[in-house]
């Protein structure tokens, strides 16, 4: 019997919880965490999540997903401290490009996988 753990889901879950806690703390308790704006830290937590996913996918040999997650991470790291419109736009474009690739390939893979439940 094949036992495996969905590491990707765990990483996404942890990253999401960290980002939400940072954002909530910044919104309700104090606007900053250790002098850094909480919103920037929350966005950076998502960037770190994508970076971790890039490393994991690279380790498992899925270079296409590694690159896509890495591009999304760079996009988030550009958006978090953005001080100009072009920097924000560039970050969003990278995030959209990486995310779109991941979404399209994931949907295609699920459509090609035979249904074993029936």
N, C-alpha and C. Protein backbone atom coordinates (compact mmCIF):
# COMPACT_ATOMS: atom_id res chain seq x y z
N UNK A 1 0.84 -1.18 0.00
CA UNK A 1 0.00 0.00 0.00
C UNK A 1 0.88 1.24 0.00
N UNK A 2 0.55 2.18 -0.84
CA UNK A 2 1.33 3.39 -0.99
C UNK A 2 0.88 4.42 0.03
N UNK A 3 1.78 4.78 0.92
CA UNK A 3 1.45 5.82 1.90
C UNK A 3 2.24 7.07 1.55
N UNK A 4 1.52 8.15 1.35
CA UNK A 4 2.19 9.41 1.05
C UNK A 4 1.44 10.53 1.73
N UNK A 5 2.15 11.59 1.96
CA UNK A 5 1.55 12.75 2.60
C UNK A 5 1.57 13.90 1.62
N UNK A 6 0.50 14.67 1.62
CA UNK A 6 0.42 15.81 0.73
C UNK A 6 1.20 16.96 1.36
N UNK A 7 2.50 16.99 1.09
CA UNK A 7 3.36 18.00 1.66
C UNK A 7 2.96 19.38 1.14
N UNK A 8 2.55 19.44 -0.12
CA UNK A 8 2.16 20.72 -0.70
C UNK A 8 1.00 21.33 0.08
N UNK A 9 0.00 20.54 0.40
CA UNK A 9 -1.13 21.04 1.18
C UNK A 9 -0.73 21.51 2.56
N UNK A 10 0.19 20.80 3.17
CA UNK A 10 0.68 21.19 4.50
C UNK A 10 1.42 22.52 4.44
N UNK A 11 2.28 22.68 3.45
CA UNK A 11 3.04 23.93 3.29
C UNK A 11 2.09 25.09 3.04
N UNK A 12 1.12 24.89 2.15
CA UNK A 12 0.15 25.95 1.86
C UNK A 12 -0.66 26.29 3.11
N UNK A 13 -1.06 25.29 3.86
CA UNK A 13 -1.83 25.52 5.09
C UNK A 13 -1.05 26.31 6.12
N UNK A 14 0.19 25.93 6.35
CA UNK A 14 1.03 26.64 7.32
C UNK A 14 1.27 28.08 6.86
N UNK A 15 1.60 28.26 5.59
CA UNK A 15 1.84 29.60 5.07
C UNK A 15 0.61 30.49 5.17
N UNK A 16 -0.55 29.92 4.90
CA UNK A 16 -1.79 30.68 4.99
C UNK A 16 -2.09 31.09 6.42
N UNK A 17 -1.91 30.18 7.36
CA UNK A 17 -2.15 30.50 8.77
C UNK A 17 -1.21 31.59 9.25
N UNK A 18 0.06 31.48 8.91
CA UNK A 18 1.04 32.50 9.31
C UNK A 18 0.66 33.86 8.73
N UNK A 19 0.30 33.89 7.44
CA UNK A 19 -0.07 35.15 6.80
C UNK A 19 -1.32 35.75 7.44
N UNK A 20 -2.31 34.92 7.72
CA UNK A 20 -3.54 35.42 8.34
C UNK A 20 -3.30 35.94 9.76
N UNK A 21 -2.46 35.25 10.52
CA UNK A 21 -2.14 35.70 11.88
C UNK A 21 -1.42 37.05 11.82
N UNK A 22 -0.46 37.18 10.93
CA UNK A 22 0.25 38.46 10.80
C UNK A 22 -0.70 39.58 10.39
N UNK A 23 -1.56 39.30 9.43
CA UNK A 23 -2.50 40.32 8.97
C UNK A 23 -3.49 40.69 10.07
N UNK A 24 -4.00 39.70 10.78
CA UNK A 24 -4.96 39.97 11.86
C UNK A 24 -4.30 40.77 12.98
N UNK A 25 -3.09 40.39 13.34
CA UNK A 25 -2.38 41.13 14.38
C UNK A 25 -2.18 42.58 13.96
N UNK A 26 -1.79 42.79 12.72
CA UNK A 26 -1.59 44.14 12.23
C UNK A 26 -2.87 44.94 12.16
N UNK A 27 -3.97 44.27 11.87
CA UNK A 27 -5.25 44.96 11.74
C UNK A 27 -5.88 45.28 13.08
N UNK A 28 -5.77 44.38 14.03
CA UNK A 28 -6.50 44.54 15.28
C UNK A 28 -5.65 44.96 16.48
N UNK A 29 -4.39 44.57 16.51
CA UNK A 29 -3.57 44.87 17.68
C UNK A 29 -2.66 46.08 17.43
N UNK A 30 -1.88 46.00 16.39
CA UNK A 30 -0.91 47.04 16.10
C UNK A 30 -0.63 46.99 14.60
N UNK A 31 -0.38 48.11 13.99
CA UNK A 31 -0.15 48.16 12.55
C UNK A 31 1.16 47.58 12.10
N UNK A 32 2.08 47.37 13.05
CA UNK A 32 3.39 46.84 12.68
C UNK A 32 3.75 45.65 13.57
N UNK A 33 4.65 44.85 13.07
CA UNK A 33 5.23 43.74 13.82
C UNK A 33 6.73 43.96 13.79
N UNK A 34 7.30 44.24 14.94
CA UNK A 34 8.72 44.54 15.06
C UNK A 34 9.13 45.68 14.11
N UNK A 35 8.26 46.67 13.98
CA UNK A 35 8.54 47.84 13.17
C UNK A 35 8.29 47.70 11.68
N UNK A 36 7.84 46.53 11.25
CA UNK A 36 7.54 46.29 9.83
C UNK A 36 6.04 46.20 9.67
N UNK A 37 5.51 46.84 8.64
CA UNK A 37 4.07 46.82 8.43
C UNK A 37 3.57 45.38 8.29
N UNK A 38 2.51 45.07 9.04
CA UNK A 38 2.01 43.69 9.10
C UNK A 38 1.52 43.19 7.75
N UNK A 39 0.95 44.07 6.94
CA UNK A 39 0.50 43.65 5.61
C UNK A 39 1.67 43.19 4.75
N UNK A 40 2.78 43.91 4.83
CA UNK A 40 3.97 43.50 4.08
C UNK A 40 4.48 42.14 4.56
N UNK A 41 4.44 41.92 5.86
CA UNK A 41 4.87 40.63 6.39
C UNK A 41 3.93 39.50 5.96
N UNK A 42 2.63 39.78 5.92
CA UNK A 42 1.67 38.76 5.50
C UNK A 42 1.89 38.39 4.04
N UNK A 43 2.10 39.38 3.19
CA UNK A 43 2.37 39.11 1.77
C UNK A 43 3.69 38.36 1.62
N UNK A 44 4.68 38.74 2.42
CA UNK A 44 5.96 38.04 2.38
C UNK A 44 5.83 36.59 2.85
N UNK A 45 4.93 36.34 3.80
CA UNK A 45 4.69 34.96 4.25
C UNK A 45 4.15 34.11 3.10
N UNK A 46 3.25 34.69 2.30
CA UNK A 46 2.78 33.96 1.11
C UNK A 46 3.91 33.77 0.11
N UNK A 47 4.77 34.77 -0.04
CA UNK A 47 5.93 34.63 -0.92
C UNK A 47 6.84 33.51 -0.45
N UNK A 48 7.06 33.43 0.85
CA UNK A 48 7.89 32.35 1.41
C UNK A 48 7.22 30.99 1.19
N UNK A 49 5.90 30.96 1.23
CA UNK A 49 5.17 29.72 0.97
C UNK A 49 5.42 29.25 -0.46
N UNK A 50 5.30 30.18 -1.42
CA UNK A 50 5.56 29.83 -2.81
C UNK A 50 7.02 29.42 -3.01
N UNK A 51 7.94 30.09 -2.32
CA UNK A 51 9.35 29.73 -2.43
C UNK A 51 9.59 28.32 -1.90
N UNK A 52 8.96 27.98 -0.78
CA UNK A 52 9.09 26.63 -0.23
C UNK A 52 8.51 25.59 -1.20
N UNK A 53 7.38 25.91 -1.82
CA UNK A 53 6.80 25.00 -2.81
C UNK A 53 7.72 24.84 -4.01
N UNK A 54 8.38 25.91 -4.42
CA UNK A 54 9.33 25.82 -5.53
C UNK A 54 10.46 24.86 -5.19
N UNK A 55 10.97 24.97 -3.98
CA UNK A 55 12.06 24.08 -3.55
C UNK A 55 11.58 22.63 -3.51
N UNK A 56 10.39 22.41 -2.96
CA UNK A 56 9.86 21.05 -2.88
C UNK A 56 9.63 20.45 -4.27
N UNK A 57 9.03 21.22 -5.16
CA UNK A 57 8.80 20.71 -6.51
C UNK A 57 10.12 20.44 -7.23
N UNK A 58 11.11 21.29 -7.00
CA UNK A 58 12.42 21.05 -7.59
C UNK A 58 13.03 19.76 -7.06
N UNK A 59 12.86 19.51 -5.77
CA UNK A 59 13.40 18.29 -5.16
C UNK A 59 12.71 17.04 -5.69
N UNK A 60 11.45 17.15 -6.06
CA UNK A 60 10.71 16.01 -6.58
C UNK A 60 10.79 15.89 -8.10
N UNK A 61 11.58 16.78 -8.74
CA UNK A 61 11.80 16.67 -10.16
C UNK A 61 10.78 17.37 -11.04
N UNK A 62 9.88 18.14 -10.47
CA UNK A 62 8.91 18.89 -11.26
C UNK A 62 9.43 20.29 -11.50
N UNK A 63 10.37 20.41 -12.41
CA UNK A 63 11.01 21.70 -12.64
C UNK A 63 10.04 22.75 -13.14
N UNK A 64 9.04 22.34 -13.92
CA UNK A 64 8.08 23.32 -14.41
C UNK A 64 7.30 23.95 -13.26
N UNK A 65 6.86 23.13 -12.31
CA UNK A 65 6.16 23.67 -11.14
C UNK A 65 7.12 24.46 -10.25
N UNK A 66 8.37 24.01 -10.16
CA UNK A 66 9.35 24.74 -9.36
C UNK A 66 9.55 26.14 -9.91
N UNK A 67 9.70 26.25 -11.22
CA UNK A 67 9.88 27.56 -11.83
C UNK A 67 8.63 28.41 -11.66
N UNK A 68 7.45 27.83 -11.88
CA UNK A 68 6.20 28.59 -11.76
C UNK A 68 6.00 29.10 -10.33
N UNK A 69 6.27 28.26 -9.35
CA UNK A 69 6.15 28.70 -7.96
C UNK A 69 7.22 29.74 -7.62
N UNK A 70 8.40 29.57 -8.16
CA UNK A 70 9.46 30.55 -7.94
C UNK A 70 9.11 31.91 -8.54
N UNK A 71 8.53 31.91 -9.73
CA UNK A 71 8.10 33.16 -10.36
C UNK A 71 7.03 33.84 -9.51
N UNK A 72 6.07 33.05 -9.02
CA UNK A 72 5.01 33.61 -8.16
C UNK A 72 5.61 34.17 -6.87
N UNK A 73 6.60 33.49 -6.31
CA UNK A 73 7.24 33.97 -5.09
C UNK A 73 7.94 35.31 -5.32
N UNK A 74 8.66 35.41 -6.42
CA UNK A 74 9.34 36.67 -6.75
C UNK A 74 8.31 37.78 -6.91
N UNK A 75 7.20 37.46 -7.56
CA UNK A 75 6.13 38.45 -7.71
C UNK A 75 5.62 38.96 -6.37
N UNK A 76 5.39 38.06 -5.44
CA UNK A 76 4.93 38.47 -4.10
C UNK A 76 6.00 39.25 -3.36
N UNK A 77 7.25 38.85 -3.50
CA UNK A 77 8.32 39.58 -2.84
C UNK A 77 8.50 40.98 -3.43
N UNK A 78 8.11 41.18 -4.68
CA UNK A 78 8.14 42.52 -5.28
C UNK A 78 6.96 43.36 -4.81
N UNK A 79 5.80 42.72 -4.64
CA UNK A 79 4.59 43.45 -4.25
C UNK A 79 4.66 43.90 -2.80
N UNK A 80 5.19 43.07 -1.92
CA UNK A 80 5.17 43.37 -0.48
C UNK A 80 5.78 44.74 -0.15
N UNK A 81 6.99 45.04 -0.59
CA UNK A 81 7.56 46.35 -0.24
C UNK A 81 7.39 47.40 -1.34
N UNK A 82 6.48 47.16 -2.27
CA UNK A 82 6.37 48.02 -3.45
C UNK A 82 6.18 49.48 -3.06
N UNK A 83 6.99 50.32 -3.69
CA UNK A 83 6.90 51.76 -3.45
C UNK A 83 6.53 52.51 -4.71
N UNK A 84 6.36 51.77 -5.81
CA UNK A 84 6.01 52.43 -7.06
C UNK A 84 5.02 51.58 -7.84
N UNK A 85 4.33 52.22 -8.74
CA UNK A 85 3.37 51.52 -9.58
C UNK A 85 4.00 50.44 -10.45
N UNK A 86 5.12 50.75 -11.12
CA UNK A 86 5.75 49.72 -11.96
C UNK A 86 6.21 48.49 -11.15
N UNK A 87 6.70 48.70 -9.94
CA UNK A 87 7.13 47.57 -9.11
C UNK A 87 5.92 46.72 -8.73
N UNK A 88 4.82 47.36 -8.37
CA UNK A 88 3.61 46.63 -8.01
C UNK A 88 3.07 45.87 -9.23
N UNK A 89 3.01 46.54 -10.36
CA UNK A 89 2.51 45.91 -11.58
C UNK A 89 3.38 44.72 -11.98
N UNK A 90 4.69 44.90 -11.93
CA UNK A 90 5.60 43.81 -12.26
C UNK A 90 5.40 42.61 -11.35
N UNK A 91 5.24 42.88 -10.06
CA UNK A 91 5.01 41.80 -9.11
C UNK A 91 3.71 41.07 -9.38
N UNK A 92 2.66 41.83 -9.66
CA UNK A 92 1.37 41.20 -9.96
C UNK A 92 1.42 40.39 -11.25
N UNK A 93 2.14 40.90 -12.25
CA UNK A 93 2.26 40.16 -13.51
C UNK A 93 3.01 38.84 -13.31
N UNK A 94 4.07 38.86 -12.52
CA UNK A 94 4.80 37.62 -12.23
C UNK A 94 3.93 36.65 -11.44
N UNK A 95 3.22 37.17 -10.46
CA UNK A 95 2.32 36.32 -9.67
C UNK A 95 1.26 35.70 -10.56
N UNK A 96 0.67 36.50 -11.43
CA UNK A 96 -0.38 35.99 -12.33
C UNK A 96 0.18 34.95 -13.31
N UNK A 97 1.38 35.20 -13.83
CA UNK A 97 1.98 34.25 -14.78
C UNK A 97 2.26 32.91 -14.11
N UNK A 98 2.89 32.95 -12.95
CA UNK A 98 3.18 31.70 -12.23
C UNK A 98 1.92 30.98 -11.80
N UNK A 99 0.97 31.73 -11.26
CA UNK A 99 -0.28 31.13 -10.81
C UNK A 99 -1.10 30.55 -11.94
N UNK A 100 -1.13 31.24 -13.08
CA UNK A 100 -1.89 30.75 -14.23
C UNK A 100 -1.30 29.44 -14.74
N UNK A 101 0.02 29.37 -14.82
CA UNK A 101 0.65 28.13 -15.27
C UNK A 101 0.31 26.97 -14.34
N UNK A 102 0.42 27.21 -13.04
CA UNK A 102 0.11 26.16 -12.06
C UNK A 102 -1.34 25.72 -12.20
N UNK A 103 -2.25 26.66 -12.31
CA UNK A 103 -3.67 26.33 -12.41
C UNK A 103 -3.97 25.53 -13.68
N UNK A 104 -3.45 25.97 -14.81
CA UNK A 104 -3.73 25.29 -16.08
C UNK A 104 -3.18 23.87 -16.09
N UNK A 105 -1.94 23.70 -15.67
CA UNK A 105 -1.33 22.37 -15.67
C UNK A 105 -2.02 21.45 -14.67
N UNK A 106 -2.41 21.98 -13.52
CA UNK A 106 -3.10 21.16 -12.52
C UNK A 106 -4.46 20.69 -13.04
N UNK A 107 -5.22 21.58 -13.65
CA UNK A 107 -6.53 21.20 -14.20
C UNK A 107 -6.36 20.17 -15.31
N UNK A 108 -5.39 20.36 -16.18
CA UNK A 108 -5.14 19.38 -17.25
C UNK A 108 -4.76 18.02 -16.69
N UNK A 109 -3.91 18.00 -15.67
CA UNK A 109 -3.49 16.74 -15.06
C UNK A 109 -4.67 16.02 -14.42
N UNK A 110 -5.55 16.76 -13.78
CA UNK A 110 -6.72 16.13 -13.15
C UNK A 110 -7.68 15.60 -14.20
N UNK A 111 -7.79 16.28 -15.33
CA UNK A 111 -8.68 15.82 -16.40
C UNK A 111 -8.15 14.55 -17.06
N UNK A 112 -6.83 14.38 -17.07
CA UNK A 112 -6.22 13.22 -17.71
C UNK A 112 -6.15 12.02 -16.78
N UNK A 113 -6.30 12.22 -15.48
CA UNK A 113 -6.20 11.13 -14.52
C UNK A 113 -7.50 10.33 -14.54
N UNK A 114 -7.39 9.01 -14.72
CA UNK A 114 -8.61 8.19 -14.73
C UNK A 114 -9.28 8.17 -13.36
N UNK A 115 -10.58 8.13 -13.37
CA UNK A 115 -11.37 8.09 -12.14
C UNK A 115 -11.41 6.67 -11.61
N UNK A 116 -10.80 6.43 -10.45
CA UNK A 116 -10.75 5.08 -9.87
C UNK A 116 -11.80 4.88 -8.80
N UNK A 117 -12.57 5.92 -8.50
CA UNK A 117 -13.59 5.82 -7.45
C UNK A 117 -14.81 5.05 -7.93
N UNK A 118 -15.06 5.04 -9.21
CA UNK A 118 -16.29 4.44 -9.74
C UNK A 118 -16.12 3.05 -10.07
